[in-house]
Amino acid sequence: MVSSKPMPTARAKVVNGKIVTKTKFPEGTKLILVVEEPQPAIELDDEDQKALDEAIAATREGKLIPVEAVRALLRTL
């Protein structure tokens, strides 16, 4: 089963070959590290930009797809 809880995040950087963060974790905590790299800008054509703007507006209005509907759709792929 996939959890729908938000995953806590923390920032860190490598200093002298070691990962350094101000965040405190309980002893034994397991972490997943993702390397943050600059990403190239995404260029959208007018149609894609319109679709993105509409999706953002719908989300702000609370028009969301229930997670169970998304899971059901993914199971069909």
C-alpha atoms as a PDB file:
ATOM      1  CA  MET A   1       0.000   0.000   0.000  1.00  0.00           C
ATOM      2  CA  VAL A   2       1.273   3.469  -0.870  1.00  0.00           C
ATOM      3  CA  SER A   3       1.128   6.081   1.871  1.00  0.00           C
ATOM      4  CA  SER A   4      -0.497   9.389   1.006  1.00  0.00           C
ATOM      5  CA  LYS A   5       1.125  11.200   3.942  1.00  0.00           C
ATOM      6  CA  PRO A   6       3.471  14.021   2.970  1.00  0.00           C
ATOM      7  CA  MET A   7       7.112  13.020   3.314  1.00  0.00           C
ATOM      8  CA  PRO A   8       9.070  15.274   5.681  1.00  0.00           C
ATOM      9  CA  THR A   9      11.976  17.010   4.005  1.00  0.00           C
ATOM     10  CA  ALA A  10      15.205  18.591   5.181  1.00  0.00           C
ATOM     11  CA  ARG A  11      17.970  20.414   3.369  1.00  0.00           C
ATOM     12  CA  ALA A  12      21.633  19.528   3.698  1.00  0.00           C
ATOM     13  CA  LYS A  13      24.912  20.095   1.924  1.00  0.00           C
ATOM     14  CA  VAL A  14      28.161  18.204   1.642  1.00  0.00           C
ATOM     15  CA  VAL A  15      31.064  19.716   3.592  1.00  0.00           C
ATOM     16  CA  ASN A  16      34.452  17.976   3.519  1.00  0.00           C
ATOM     17  CA  GLY A  17      32.761  14.870   2.107  1.00  0.00           C
ATOM     18  CA  LYS A  18      30.123  14.612   4.856  1.00  0.00           C
ATOM     19  CA  ILE A  19      26.417  15.429   4.770  1.00  0.00           C
ATOM     20  CA  VAL A  20      25.679  18.369   7.068  1.00  0.00           C
ATOM     21  CA  THR A  21      22.208  19.545   8.117  1.00  0.00           C
ATOM     22  CA  LYS A  22      20.796  21.636  10.960  1.00  0.00           C
ATOM     23  CA  THR A  23      17.843  19.247  11.203  1.00  0.00           C
ATOM     24  CA  LYS A  24      17.908  16.817  14.128  1.00  0.00           C
ATOM     25  CA  PHE A  25      16.830  13.218  13.503  1.00  0.00           C
ATOM     26  CA  PRO A  26      16.208  10.464  16.039  1.00  0.00           C
ATOM     27  CA  GLU A  27      18.986   7.876  16.251  1.00  0.00           C
ATOM     28  CA  GLY A  28      18.515   5.150  13.650  1.00  0.00           C
ATOM     29  CA  THR A  29      16.426   7.285  11.281  1.00  0.00           C
ATOM     30  CA  LYS A  30      16.743   6.085   7.686  1.00  0.00           C
ATOM     31  CA  LEU A  31      16.987   8.806   5.056  1.00  0.00           C
ATOM     32  CA  ILE A  32      16.531   8.945   1.299  1.00  0.00           C
ATOM     33  CA  LEU A  33      18.868  11.440  -0.341  1.00  0.00           C
ATOM     34  CA  VAL A  34      18.083  13.212  -3.593  1.00  0.00           C
ATOM     35  CA  VAL A  35      20.821  15.188  -5.304  1.00  0.00           C
ATOM     36  CA  GLU A  36      19.558  18.658  -6.104  1.00  0.00           C
ATOM     37  CA  GLU A  37      20.791  19.775  -9.486  1.00  0.00           C
ATOM     38  CA  PRO A  38      19.838  22.837 -11.477  1.00  0.00           C
ATOM     39  CA  GLN A  39      17.173  21.934 -14.004  1.00  0.00           C
ATOM     40  CA  PRO A  40      16.768  23.564 -17.392  1.00  0.00           C
ATOM     41  CA  ALA A  41      13.784  25.830 -17.838  1.00  0.00           C
ATOM     42  CA  ILE A  42      10.688  24.160 -19.239  1.00  0.00           C
ATOM     43  CA  GLU A  43       9.226  25.883 -22.259  1.00  0.00           C
ATOM     44  CA  LEU A  44       5.509  25.335 -22.800  1.00  0.00           C
ATOM     45  CA  ASP A  45       3.597  26.093 -25.947  1.00  0.00           C
ATOM     46  CA  ASP A  46       0.416  28.180 -25.605  1.00  0.00           C
ATOM     47  CA  GLU A  47      -1.849  25.110 -25.385  1.00  0.00           C
ATOM     48  CA  ASP A  48       0.201  23.470 -22.630  1.00  0.00           C
ATOM     49  CA  GLN A  49       0.507  26.750 -20.706  1.00  0.00           C
ATOM     50  CA  LYS A  50      -3.273  27.201 -20.839  1.00  0.00           C
ATOM     51  CA  ALA A  51      -3.824  23.623 -19.589  1.00  0.00           C
ATOM     52  CA  LEU A  52      -1.348  24.170 -16.734  1.00  0.00           C
ATOM     53  CA  ASP A  53      -2.976  27.465 -15.742  1.00  0.00           C
ATOM     54  CA  GLU A  54      -6.420  25.809 -15.732  1.00  0.00           C
ATOM     55  CA  ALA A  55      -5.155  22.911 -13.611  1.00  0.00           C
ATOM     56  CA  ILE A  56      -3.587  25.279 -11.075  1.00  0.00           C
ATOM     57  CA  ALA A  57      -6.804  27.327 -10.901  1.00  0.00           C
ATOM     58  CA  ALA A  58      -8.910  24.186 -10.429  1.00  0.00           C
ATOM     59  CA  THR A  59      -6.614  23.023  -7.625  1.00  0.00           C
ATOM     60  CA  ARG A  60      -6.889  26.382  -5.865  1.00  0.00           C
ATOM     61  CA  GLU A  61     -10.681  26.100  -6.129  1.00  0.00           C
ATOM     62  CA  GLY A  62     -10.549  22.709  -4.436  1.00  0.00           C
ATOM     63  CA  LYS A  63     -11.411  20.747  -7.575  1.00  0.00           C
ATOM     64  CA  LEU A  64      -9.130  17.806  -6.926  1.00  0.00           C
ATOM     65  CA  ILE A  65      -9.158  14.186  -8.022  1.00  0.00           C
ATOM     66  CA  PRO A  66      -9.556  11.857  -5.022  1.00  0.00           C
ATOM     67  CA  VAL A  67      -6.453   9.743  -4.415  1.00  0.00           C
ATOM     68  CA  GLU A  68      -8.450   6.519  -4.764  1.00  0.00           C
ATOM     69  CA  ALA A  69      -9.516   7.547  -8.272  1.00  0.00           C
ATOM     70  CA  VAL A  70      -5.873   8.177  -9.207  1.00  0.00           C
ATOM     71  CA  ARG A  71      -4.847   4.806  -7.765  1.00  0.00           C
ATOM     72  CA  ALA A  72      -7.619   3.051  -9.694  1.00  0.00           C
ATOM     73  CA  LEU A  73      -6.477   4.743 -12.896  1.00  0.00           C
ATOM     74  CA  LEU A  74      -2.849   3.765 -12.281  1.00  0.00           C
ATOM     75  CA  ARG A  75      -3.868   0.132 -11.743  1.00  0.00           C
ATOM     76  CA  THR A  76      -5.267   0.072 -15.291  1.00  0.00           C
ATOM     77  CA  LEU A  77      -1.964   1.113 -16.872  1.00  0.00           C
END
